[in-house]
Amino acid sequence: MKRLGLGLVAVALCVVATRPAMAQAVGHLRYGVSAGVLLPMGDYGASGTGDKMGFVAGVGATYWLPVGSIGVRGDLSYSQTSHDGTSGNTKIMGGMASVVYALNPASAPARIMITGGVGMFNVKESVTSASQTKVGFGGGAAVAFKMGTGSTRLVLGSRFTSVSTATKLTFLPITVGLTFRK
């Protein structure tokens, strides 16, 4: 719970710090879709007892504040992995709220971003039909490439995620997606 509180304080400080600039300018919204592979880590990916590589798909939106380098992002995702050595699978559905910081301007041909956030994830294991919804934390990076002269971007990204289940479920999604400016 301390991490959740610290994450919320960080988001609030970012919003308050940019408040005077918001009165003069308007930010913009980018939204998009992504898909890729999910790499189980730790006990979740242990050979013979964990899960094998699976897939992940999601949607998300980032509101870039008027200052241009800081954004607030929301993601929804669904992933599935298969058990290693036995039949069955693990399904993870969740959402995450994050703060995004761009290391270079939006006008750059490739925009590098780092992100960190907190979310809620439902983890369902098929063999026992056990299901639990827990808090998760994540941090990662992405690169958004401009496509032509339009506002579409190709985004390659990854975010290490840890969900606070009994066995501490950790995974690394590696995704490719498209974003559009509203």
N, C-alpha and C. Protein backbone atom coordinates (compact mmCIF):
# COMPACT_ATOMS: atom_id res chain seq x y z
N MET A 1 0.82 -1.20 0.00
CA MET A 1 0.00 0.00 0.00
C MET A 1 0.86 1.26 0.00
N LYS A 2 2.07 1.19 0.59
CA LYS A 2 2.94 2.35 0.58
C LYS A 2 3.31 2.73 -0.85
N ARG A 3 3.56 1.71 -1.71
CA ARG A 3 3.91 1.98 -3.10
C ARG A 3 2.76 2.65 -3.84
N LEU A 4 1.53 2.20 -3.57
CA LEU A 4 0.36 2.79 -4.19
C LEU A 4 0.26 4.26 -3.81
N GLY A 5 0.44 4.55 -2.53
CA GLY A 5 0.39 5.93 -2.05
C GLY A 5 1.47 6.79 -2.67
N LEU A 6 2.69 6.25 -2.77
CA LEU A 6 3.79 7.01 -3.38
C LEU A 6 3.54 7.27 -4.86
N GLY A 7 2.97 6.28 -5.55
CA GLY A 7 2.64 6.46 -6.97
C GLY A 7 1.61 7.55 -7.17
N LEU A 8 0.57 7.56 -6.34
CA LEU A 8 -0.47 8.57 -6.45
C LEU A 8 0.08 9.96 -6.13
N VAL A 9 0.97 10.04 -5.15
CA VAL A 9 1.58 11.33 -4.81
C VAL A 9 2.42 11.83 -5.99
N ALA A 10 3.16 10.93 -6.64
CA ALA A 10 3.99 11.33 -7.79
C ALA A 10 3.13 11.88 -8.92
N VAL A 11 2.01 11.23 -9.21
CA VAL A 11 1.11 11.71 -10.26
C VAL A 11 0.55 13.08 -9.88
N ALA A 12 0.13 13.23 -8.63
CA ALA A 12 -0.42 14.51 -8.17
C ALA A 12 0.62 15.63 -8.27
N LEU A 13 1.86 15.35 -7.90
CA LEU A 13 2.92 16.36 -7.98
C LEU A 13 3.18 16.78 -9.43
N CYS A 14 3.14 15.83 -10.33
CA CYS A 14 3.33 16.16 -11.75
C CYS A 14 2.22 17.07 -12.26
N VAL A 15 1.00 16.79 -11.85
CA VAL A 15 -0.13 17.61 -12.29
C VAL A 15 -0.04 19.00 -11.69
N VAL A 16 0.27 19.10 -10.39
CA VAL A 16 0.36 20.40 -9.73
C VAL A 16 1.52 21.22 -10.31
N ALA A 17 2.65 20.57 -10.60
CA ALA A 17 3.81 21.28 -11.12
C ALA A 17 3.54 21.90 -12.49
N THR A 18 2.66 21.31 -13.26
CA THR A 18 2.38 21.82 -14.60
C THR A 18 1.10 22.65 -14.66
N ARG A 19 0.46 22.87 -13.54
CA ARG A 19 -0.82 23.58 -13.50
C ARG A 19 -0.76 24.99 -14.10
N PRO A 20 0.24 25.83 -13.77
CA PRO A 20 0.28 27.17 -14.37
C PRO A 20 0.36 27.10 -15.89
N ALA A 21 1.11 26.16 -16.43
CA ALA A 21 1.22 26.03 -17.88
C ALA A 21 -0.11 25.59 -18.49
N MET A 22 -0.91 24.83 -17.76
CA MET A 22 -2.19 24.36 -18.28
C MET A 22 -3.16 25.50 -18.54
N ALA A 23 -3.03 26.57 -17.78
CA ALA A 23 -3.93 27.70 -17.97
C ALA A 23 -3.67 28.39 -19.32
N GLN A 24 -2.44 28.26 -19.83
CA GLN A 24 -2.08 28.93 -21.07
C GLN A 24 -2.18 28.03 -22.30
N ALA A 25 -2.08 26.73 -22.12
CA ALA A 25 -2.05 25.83 -23.27
C ALA A 25 -2.90 24.59 -22.99
N VAL A 26 -3.20 23.88 -24.04
CA VAL A 26 -4.00 22.66 -23.93
C VAL A 26 -3.13 21.48 -24.34
N GLY A 27 -3.19 20.40 -23.59
CA GLY A 27 -2.46 19.19 -23.93
C GLY A 27 -3.15 18.46 -25.06
N HIS A 28 -2.67 17.25 -25.35
CA HIS A 28 -3.30 16.46 -26.40
C HIS A 28 -3.37 14.99 -25.99
N LEU A 29 -4.23 14.27 -26.67
CA LEU A 29 -4.48 12.87 -26.36
C LEU A 29 -3.98 11.99 -27.51
N ARG A 30 -3.26 10.91 -27.14
CA ARG A 30 -2.87 9.87 -28.10
C ARG A 30 -3.48 8.57 -27.60
N TYR A 31 -4.03 7.79 -28.50
CA TYR A 31 -4.65 6.51 -28.14
C TYR A 31 -4.17 5.46 -29.13
N GLY A 32 -4.25 4.18 -28.73
CA GLY A 32 -3.77 3.17 -29.64
C GLY A 32 -4.01 1.74 -29.19
N VAL A 33 -3.49 0.82 -29.98
CA VAL A 33 -3.61 -0.62 -29.74
C VAL A 33 -2.21 -1.23 -29.80
N SER A 34 -2.05 -2.38 -29.13
CA SER A 34 -0.76 -3.06 -29.16
C SER A 34 -0.95 -4.56 -29.01
N ALA A 35 0.06 -5.30 -29.41
CA ALA A 35 0.07 -6.76 -29.25
C ALA A 35 1.52 -7.21 -29.20
N GLY A 36 1.73 -8.37 -28.59
CA GLY A 36 3.10 -8.87 -28.52
C GLY A 36 3.20 -10.14 -27.72
N VAL A 37 4.39 -10.38 -27.20
CA VAL A 37 4.66 -11.57 -26.41
C VAL A 37 4.78 -11.22 -24.94
N LEU A 38 4.44 -12.21 -24.09
CA LEU A 38 4.54 -12.03 -22.64
C LEU A 38 5.56 -13.05 -22.14
N LEU A 39 6.61 -12.56 -21.51
CA LEU A 39 7.66 -13.42 -20.98
C LEU A 39 7.48 -13.57 -19.47
N PRO A 40 7.05 -14.76 -18.99
CA PRO A 40 6.94 -14.98 -17.54
C PRO A 40 8.32 -14.96 -16.91
N MET A 41 8.44 -14.41 -15.71
CA MET A 41 9.72 -14.31 -15.01
C MET A 41 9.58 -14.87 -13.61
N GLY A 42 10.69 -15.10 -12.95
CA GLY A 42 10.69 -15.62 -11.57
C GLY A 42 10.00 -16.97 -11.50
N ASP A 43 9.23 -17.20 -10.43
CA ASP A 43 8.50 -18.46 -10.25
C ASP A 43 7.49 -18.67 -11.37
N TYR A 44 6.92 -17.60 -11.88
CA TYR A 44 5.92 -17.67 -12.96
C TYR A 44 6.53 -18.26 -14.23
N GLY A 45 7.81 -18.06 -14.45
CA GLY A 45 8.46 -18.56 -15.65
C GLY A 45 9.49 -19.65 -15.38
N ALA A 46 9.54 -20.19 -14.16
CA ALA A 46 10.53 -21.22 -13.82
C ALA A 46 10.34 -22.46 -14.70
N SER A 47 11.43 -22.95 -15.24
CA SER A 47 11.38 -24.12 -16.14
C SER A 47 10.82 -25.34 -15.42
N GLY A 48 9.83 -25.98 -16.04
CA GLY A 48 9.23 -27.19 -15.49
C GLY A 48 8.11 -26.95 -14.50
N THR A 49 8.08 -25.81 -13.85
CA THR A 49 7.02 -25.53 -12.86
C THR A 49 6.24 -24.27 -13.16
N GLY A 50 6.76 -23.44 -14.03
CA GLY A 50 6.10 -22.17 -14.33
C GLY A 50 5.35 -22.21 -15.65
N ASP A 51 5.28 -21.08 -16.32
CA ASP A 51 4.58 -20.97 -17.60
C ASP A 51 5.57 -20.64 -18.71
N LYS A 52 5.19 -20.99 -19.94
CA LYS A 52 5.97 -20.67 -21.13
C LYS A 52 5.57 -19.30 -21.66
N MET A 53 6.33 -18.80 -22.60
CA MET A 53 6.02 -17.52 -23.23
C MET A 53 4.60 -17.55 -23.80
N GLY A 54 3.89 -16.44 -23.69
CA GLY A 54 2.52 -16.35 -24.19
C GLY A 54 2.32 -15.09 -25.00
N PHE A 55 1.07 -14.65 -25.07
CA PHE A 55 0.76 -13.45 -25.86
C PHE A 55 0.10 -12.40 -24.97
N VAL A 56 0.12 -11.17 -25.44
CA VAL A 56 -0.52 -10.05 -24.76
C VAL A 56 -1.10 -9.11 -25.82
N ALA A 57 -2.24 -8.54 -25.52
CA ALA A 57 -2.87 -7.54 -26.39
C ALA A 57 -3.47 -6.46 -25.51
N GLY A 58 -3.53 -5.24 -26.02
CA GLY A 58 -4.07 -4.18 -25.18
C GLY A 58 -4.45 -2.92 -25.94
N VAL A 59 -5.08 -2.03 -25.20
CA VAL A 59 -5.44 -0.70 -25.68
C VAL A 59 -4.98 0.30 -24.64
N GLY A 60 -4.73 1.52 -25.06
CA GLY A 60 -4.29 2.53 -24.11
C GLY A 60 -4.43 3.93 -24.66
N ALA A 61 -4.30 4.87 -23.76
CA ALA A 61 -4.36 6.29 -24.13
C ALA A 61 -3.43 7.08 -23.22
N THR A 62 -2.78 8.08 -23.80
CA THR A 62 -1.90 8.96 -23.04
C THR A 62 -2.36 10.39 -23.24
N TYR A 63 -2.57 11.10 -22.15
CA TYR A 63 -2.86 12.53 -22.23
C TYR A 63 -1.54 13.24 -21.94
N TRP A 64 -1.01 13.89 -22.98
CA TRP A 64 0.23 14.65 -22.83
C TRP A 64 -0.10 16.04 -22.30
N LEU A 65 0.47 16.38 -21.18
CA LEU A 65 0.25 17.69 -20.58
C LEU A 65 0.84 18.78 -21.46
N PRO A 66 0.39 20.02 -21.32
CA PRO A 66 0.85 21.10 -22.20
C PRO A 66 2.37 21.29 -22.22
N VAL A 67 3.06 20.91 -21.16
CA VAL A 67 4.52 21.05 -21.15
C VAL A 67 5.18 20.12 -22.15
N GLY A 68 4.48 19.10 -22.62
CA GLY A 68 4.94 18.26 -23.71
C GLY A 68 5.80 17.06 -23.34
N SER A 69 6.47 17.05 -22.20
CA SER A 69 7.34 15.94 -21.85
C SER A 69 6.72 14.98 -20.85
N ILE A 70 5.64 15.37 -20.21
CA ILE A 70 5.00 14.55 -19.18
C ILE A 70 3.59 14.18 -19.62
N GLY A 71 3.26 12.91 -19.44
CA GLY A 71 1.93 12.44 -19.80
C GLY A 71 1.36 11.53 -18.71
N VAL A 72 0.05 11.37 -18.74
CA VAL A 72 -0.65 10.45 -17.85
C VAL A 72 -1.27 9.39 -18.75
N ARG A 73 -1.01 8.12 -18.47
CA ARG A 73 -1.42 7.03 -19.36
C ARG A 73 -2.30 6.03 -18.64
N GLY A 74 -3.27 5.50 -19.39
CA GLY A 74 -4.11 4.40 -18.92
C GLY A 74 -4.05 3.26 -19.91
N ASP A 75 -3.88 2.03 -19.42
CA ASP A 75 -3.78 0.85 -20.28
C ASP A 75 -4.74 -0.23 -19.79
N LEU A 76 -5.31 -0.98 -20.72
CA LEU A 76 -6.05 -2.20 -20.43
C LEU A 76 -5.40 -3.31 -21.24
N SER A 77 -5.18 -4.48 -20.61
CA SER A 77 -4.51 -5.55 -21.34
C SER A 77 -5.08 -6.92 -20.97
N TYR A 78 -4.86 -7.86 -21.90
CA TYR A 78 -5.24 -9.25 -21.68
C TYR A 78 -4.06 -10.10 -22.16
N SER A 79 -3.68 -11.08 -21.35
CA SER A 79 -2.58 -11.97 -21.75
C SER A 79 -2.88 -13.40 -21.33
N GLN A 80 -2.19 -14.32 -22.00
CA GLN A 80 -2.36 -15.73 -21.67
C GLN A 80 -1.04 -16.46 -21.91
N THR A 81 -0.69 -17.32 -20.96
CA THR A 81 0.49 -18.17 -21.08
C THR A 81 0.08 -19.61 -20.82
N SER A 82 0.85 -20.57 -21.34
CA SER A 82 0.58 -21.99 -21.13
C SER A 82 1.53 -22.53 -20.07
N HIS A 83 1.03 -23.48 -19.24
CA HIS A 83 1.88 -24.09 -18.23
C HIS A 83 2.99 -24.90 -18.88
N ASP A 84 4.13 -24.93 -18.25
CA ASP A 84 5.29 -25.68 -18.73
C ASP A 84 5.29 -27.05 -18.05
N GLY A 85 5.16 -28.11 -18.81
CA GLY A 85 5.20 -29.45 -18.26
C GLY A 85 3.85 -30.05 -17.93
N THR A 86 2.81 -29.25 -17.84
CA THR A 86 1.46 -29.74 -17.58
C THR A 86 0.48 -29.00 -18.49
N SER A 87 -0.74 -29.52 -18.57
CA SER A 87 -1.74 -28.82 -19.37
C SER A 87 -2.33 -27.68 -18.54
N GLY A 88 -2.87 -26.70 -19.21
CA GLY A 88 -3.49 -25.57 -18.52
C GLY A 88 -2.83 -24.26 -18.91
N ASN A 89 -3.41 -23.16 -18.41
CA ASN A 89 -2.88 -21.85 -18.75
C ASN A 89 -3.16 -20.86 -17.63
N THR A 90 -2.53 -19.71 -17.75
CA THR A 90 -2.74 -18.60 -16.84
C THR A 90 -3.20 -17.41 -17.68
N LYS A 91 -4.31 -16.79 -17.27
CA LYS A 91 -4.83 -15.63 -17.96
C LYS A 91 -4.72 -14.42 -17.02
N ILE A 92 -4.25 -13.32 -17.57
CA ILE A 92 -4.10 -12.09 -16.79
C ILE A 92 -4.82 -10.98 -17.53
N MET A 93 -5.77 -10.34 -16.83
CA MET A 93 -6.49 -9.20 -17.40
C MET A 93 -6.33 -8.06 -16.40
N GLY A 94 -6.00 -6.87 -16.91
CA GLY A 94 -5.81 -5.79 -15.96
C GLY A 94 -5.72 -4.43 -16.60
N GLY A 95 -5.58 -3.46 -15.73
CA GLY A 95 -5.45 -2.08 -16.15
C GLY A 95 -4.39 -1.40 -15.31
N MET A 96 -3.71 -0.42 -15.91
CA MET A 96 -2.65 0.29 -15.20
C MET A 96 -2.72 1.78 -15.52
N ALA A 97 -2.51 2.59 -14.50
CA ALA A 97 -2.39 4.04 -14.65
C ALA A 97 -0.92 4.38 -14.45
N SER A 98 -0.35 5.17 -15.36
CA SER A 98 1.09 5.44 -15.33
C SER A 98 1.39 6.91 -15.59
N VAL A 99 2.56 7.29 -15.16
CA VAL A 99 3.13 8.58 -15.53
C VAL A 99 4.17 8.28 -16.61
N VAL A 100 4.16 9.07 -17.69
CA VAL A 100 5.08 8.88 -18.81
C VAL A 100 5.96 10.12 -18.91
N TYR A 101 7.24 9.91 -19.13
CA TYR A 101 8.16 11.02 -19.34
C TYR A 101 8.91 10.79 -20.66
N ALA A 102 8.82 11.75 -21.56
CA ALA A 102 9.51 11.66 -22.85
C ALA A 102 10.88 12.30 -22.73
N LEU A 103 11.90 11.58 -23.20
CA LEU A 103 13.27 12.08 -23.11
C LEU A 103 13.64 13.05 -24.22
N ASN A 104 12.81 13.09 -25.28
CA ASN A 104 13.06 14.03 -26.37
C ASN A 104 11.72 14.59 -26.86
N PRO A 105 11.73 15.65 -27.65
CA PRO A 105 10.47 16.32 -28.03
C PRO A 105 9.61 15.50 -28.98
N ALA A 106 8.33 15.84 -29.04
CA ALA A 106 7.37 15.16 -29.92
C ALA A 106 7.74 15.34 -31.38
N SER A 107 8.48 16.37 -31.71
CA SER A 107 8.87 16.62 -33.10
C SER A 107 9.98 15.68 -33.58
N ALA A 108 10.64 14.97 -32.68
CA ALA A 108 11.73 14.05 -33.06
C ALA A 108 11.17 12.88 -33.87
N PRO A 109 11.95 12.35 -34.81
CA PRO A 109 11.47 11.21 -35.61
C PRO A 109 11.22 9.96 -34.77
N ALA A 110 11.98 9.80 -33.68
CA ALA A 110 11.79 8.69 -32.75
C ALA A 110 11.77 9.25 -31.34
N ARG A 111 10.67 9.08 -30.65
CA ARG A 111 10.51 9.63 -29.31
C ARG A 111 10.72 8.53 -28.27
N ILE A 112 11.69 8.71 -27.39
CA ILE A 112 11.99 7.73 -26.34
C ILE A 112 11.26 8.13 -25.07
N MET A 113 10.58 7.15 -24.46
CA MET A 113 9.77 7.44 -23.27
C MET A 113 10.05 6.40 -22.18
N ILE A 114 9.96 6.85 -20.93
CA ILE A 114 10.01 5.95 -19.78
C ILE A 114 8.69 6.09 -19.03
N THR A 115 8.29 5.01 -18.36
CA THR A 115 6.99 5.01 -17.70
C THR A 115 7.04 4.22 -16.39
N GLY A 116 6.17 4.58 -15.48
CA GLY A 116 6.02 3.84 -14.24
C GLY A 116 4.61 4.02 -13.74
N GLY A 117 4.03 2.94 -13.18
CA GLY A 117 2.66 3.07 -12.73
C GLY A 117 2.19 1.96 -11.81
N VAL A 118 0.91 2.03 -11.50
CA VAL A 118 0.26 1.09 -10.61
C VAL A 118 -1.06 0.67 -11.25
N GLY A 119 -1.49 -0.56 -10.98
CA GLY A 119 -2.73 -1.04 -11.58
C GLY A 119 -3.36 -2.18 -10.80
N MET A 120 -4.44 -2.70 -11.36
CA MET A 120 -5.15 -3.85 -10.79
C MET A 120 -5.18 -4.94 -11.85
N PHE A 121 -4.89 -6.18 -11.43
CA PHE A 121 -4.83 -7.31 -12.35
C PHE A 121 -5.61 -8.48 -11.79
N ASN A 122 -6.39 -9.15 -12.67
CA ASN A 122 -7.06 -10.38 -12.31
C ASN A 122 -6.27 -11.52 -12.93
N VAL A 123 -5.83 -12.45 -12.09
CA VAL A 123 -5.03 -13.59 -12.53
C VAL A 123 -5.87 -14.84 -12.34
N LYS A 124 -6.07 -15.60 -13.42
CA LYS A 124 -6.87 -16.83 -13.36
C LYS A 124 -6.03 -17.99 -13.88
N GLU A 125 -5.93 -19.02 -13.05
CA GLU A 125 -5.17 -20.22 -13.39
C GLU A 125 -6.17 -21.32 -13.73
N SER A 126 -6.03 -21.98 -14.88
CA SER A 126 -7.07 -22.88 -15.39
C SER A 126 -7.17 -24.23 -14.69
N VAL A 127 -6.08 -24.78 -14.20
CA VAL A 127 -6.12 -26.12 -13.60
C VAL A 127 -6.95 -26.12 -12.31
N THR A 128 -6.72 -25.15 -11.44
CA THR A 128 -7.46 -25.09 -10.17
C THR A 128 -8.64 -24.14 -10.24
N SER A 129 -8.77 -23.41 -11.33
CA SER A 129 -9.79 -22.37 -11.50
C SER A 129 -9.67 -21.27 -10.46
N ALA A 130 -8.48 -21.16 -9.85
CA ALA A 130 -8.25 -20.10 -8.87
C ALA A 130 -8.16 -18.76 -9.59
N SER A 131 -8.80 -17.76 -9.01
CA SER A 131 -8.79 -16.42 -9.58
C SER A 131 -8.60 -15.42 -8.45
N GLN A 132 -7.73 -14.46 -8.67
CA GLN A 132 -7.52 -13.41 -7.66
C GLN A 132 -7.22 -12.09 -8.34
N THR A 133 -7.71 -11.03 -7.75
CA THR A 133 -7.47 -9.68 -8.26
C THR A 133 -6.57 -8.97 -7.27
N LYS A 134 -5.41 -8.50 -7.78
CA LYS A 134 -4.40 -7.91 -6.92
C LYS A 134 -3.81 -6.66 -7.55
N VAL A 135 -3.12 -5.88 -6.72
CA VAL A 135 -2.42 -4.67 -7.15
C VAL A 135 -1.13 -5.08 -7.85
N GLY A 136 -0.78 -4.35 -8.90
CA GLY A 136 0.46 -4.58 -9.61
C GLY A 136 1.20 -3.27 -9.85
N PHE A 137 2.51 -3.38 -10.03
CA PHE A 137 3.36 -2.22 -10.29
C PHE A 137 4.18 -2.49 -11.54
N GLY A 138 4.47 -1.45 -12.31
CA GLY A 138 5.24 -1.65 -13.52
C GLY A 138 6.08 -0.46 -13.88
N GLY A 139 7.17 -0.73 -14.58
CA GLY A 139 8.04 0.32 -15.08
C GLY A 139 8.71 -0.14 -16.35
N GLY A 140 8.87 0.76 -17.32
CA GLY A 140 9.47 0.33 -18.56
C GLY A 140 9.83 1.48 -19.47
N ALA A 141 10.01 1.14 -20.74
CA ALA A 141 10.42 2.13 -21.73
C ALA A 141 9.78 1.79 -23.08
N ALA A 142 9.70 2.80 -23.94
CA ALA A 142 9.15 2.62 -25.28
C ALA A 142 9.80 3.61 -26.23
N VAL A 143 9.75 3.28 -27.51
CA VAL A 143 10.20 4.19 -28.56
C VAL A 143 9.06 4.32 -29.56
N ALA A 144 8.66 5.56 -29.86
CA ALA A 144 7.58 5.82 -30.81
C ALA A 144 8.18 6.45 -32.07
N PHE A 145 7.99 5.77 -33.20
CA PHE A 145 8.53 6.23 -34.49
C PHE A 145 7.42 6.89 -35.30
N LYS A 146 7.71 8.08 -35.83
CA LYS A 146 6.75 8.75 -36.71
C LYS A 146 6.61 7.94 -38.00
N MET A 147 5.37 7.87 -38.48
CA MET A 147 5.11 7.17 -39.75
C MET A 147 4.62 8.18 -40.76
N GLY A 148 5.48 8.54 -41.69
CA GLY A 148 5.11 9.51 -42.71
C GLY A 148 4.92 10.90 -42.14
N THR A 149 4.02 11.66 -42.77
CA THR A 149 3.77 13.04 -42.34
C THR A 149 2.55 13.15 -41.44
N GLY A 150 1.84 12.05 -41.22
CA GLY A 150 0.63 12.07 -40.40
C GLY A 150 0.95 11.99 -38.91
N SER A 151 -0.08 11.77 -38.12
CA SER A 151 0.07 11.73 -36.67
C SER A 151 0.18 10.31 -36.13
N THR A 152 0.24 9.31 -37.01
CA THR A 152 0.35 7.92 -36.58
C THR A 152 1.79 7.60 -36.19
N ARG A 153 1.94 6.82 -35.11
CA ARG A 153 3.27 6.39 -34.66
C ARG A 153 3.30 4.89 -34.45
N LEU A 154 4.42 4.29 -34.76
CA LEU A 154 4.68 2.88 -34.48
C LEU A 154 5.44 2.84 -33.16
N VAL A 155 4.92 2.11 -32.18
CA VAL A 155 5.50 2.11 -30.84
C VAL A 155 6.01 0.71 -30.48
N LEU A 156 7.27 0.62 -30.08
CA LEU A 156 7.87 -0.59 -29.56
C LEU A 156 8.14 -0.36 -28.09
N GLY A 157 7.63 -1.27 -27.23
CA GLY A 157 7.81 -1.02 -25.82
C GLY A 157 7.81 -2.27 -24.96
N SER A 158 8.20 -2.09 -23.72
CA SER A 158 8.21 -3.15 -22.73
C SER A 158 8.08 -2.53 -21.35
N ARG A 159 7.44 -3.28 -20.44
CA ARG A 159 7.28 -2.77 -19.07
C ARG A 159 7.31 -3.95 -18.10
N PHE A 160 8.36 -4.03 -17.29
CA PHE A 160 8.45 -5.06 -16.26
C PHE A 160 7.28 -4.85 -15.30
N THR A 161 6.52 -5.92 -15.04
CA THR A 161 5.34 -5.82 -14.20
C THR A 161 5.39 -6.87 -13.10
N SER A 162 5.01 -6.48 -11.89
CA SER A 162 4.95 -7.37 -10.75
C SER A 162 3.57 -7.26 -10.12
N VAL A 163 2.88 -8.40 -10.03
CA VAL A 163 1.54 -8.43 -9.42
C VAL A 163 1.67 -9.10 -8.06
N SER A 164 1.09 -8.51 -7.05
CA SER A 164 1.24 -8.96 -5.66
C SER A 164 0.38 -10.17 -5.32
N THR A 165 0.54 -11.27 -6.07
CA THR A 165 -0.15 -12.52 -5.74
C THR A 165 0.68 -13.25 -4.68
N ALA A 166 0.20 -14.40 -4.22
CA ALA A 166 0.90 -15.17 -3.19
C ALA A 166 2.32 -15.54 -3.64
N THR A 167 2.52 -15.80 -4.94
CA THR A 167 3.84 -16.18 -5.45
C THR A 167 4.53 -15.02 -6.18
N LYS A 168 4.05 -13.82 -6.05
CA LYS A 168 4.60 -12.62 -6.71
C LYS A 168 4.81 -12.87 -8.20
N LEU A 169 3.77 -12.68 -8.95
CA LEU A 169 3.74 -12.91 -10.39
C LEU A 169 4.47 -11.78 -11.09
N THR A 170 5.57 -12.09 -11.79
CA THR A 170 6.33 -11.07 -12.52
C THR A 170 6.43 -11.48 -13.98
N PHE A 171 6.32 -10.48 -14.85
CA PHE A 171 6.38 -10.75 -16.28
C PHE A 171 6.84 -9.53 -17.04
N LEU A 172 7.26 -9.79 -18.28
CA LEU A 172 7.77 -8.74 -19.15
C LEU A 172 7.07 -8.83 -20.50
N PRO A 173 6.10 -7.94 -20.75
CA PRO A 173 5.49 -7.91 -22.08
C PRO A 173 6.37 -7.11 -23.04
N ILE A 174 6.53 -7.62 -24.25
CA ILE A 174 7.24 -6.90 -25.30
C ILE A 174 6.23 -6.69 -26.42
N THR A 175 5.88 -5.43 -26.70
CA THR A 175 4.78 -5.15 -27.61
C THR A 175 5.17 -4.23 -28.75
N VAL A 176 4.37 -4.31 -29.79
CA VAL A 176 4.44 -3.37 -30.90
C VAL A 176 3.01 -2.85 -31.09
N GLY A 177 2.87 -1.57 -31.37
CA GLY A 177 1.53 -1.01 -31.51
C GLY A 177 1.52 0.22 -32.38
N LEU A 178 0.31 0.72 -32.58
CA LEU A 178 0.09 1.96 -33.33
C LEU A 178 -0.63 2.93 -32.42
N THR A 179 -0.22 4.21 -32.45
CA THR A 179 -0.95 5.25 -31.73
C THR A 179 -1.36 6.34 -32.71
N PHE A 180 -2.42 7.01 -32.33
CA PHE A 180 -3.02 8.07 -33.15
C PHE A 180 -3.28 9.28 -32.27
N ARG A 181 -3.18 10.46 -32.85
CA ARG A 181 -3.44 11.69 -32.09
C ARG A 181 -4.87 12.12 -32.31
N LYS A 182 -5.53 12.48 -31.24
CA LYS A 182 -6.90 12.97 -31.31
C LYS A 182 -6.86 14.45 -31.46
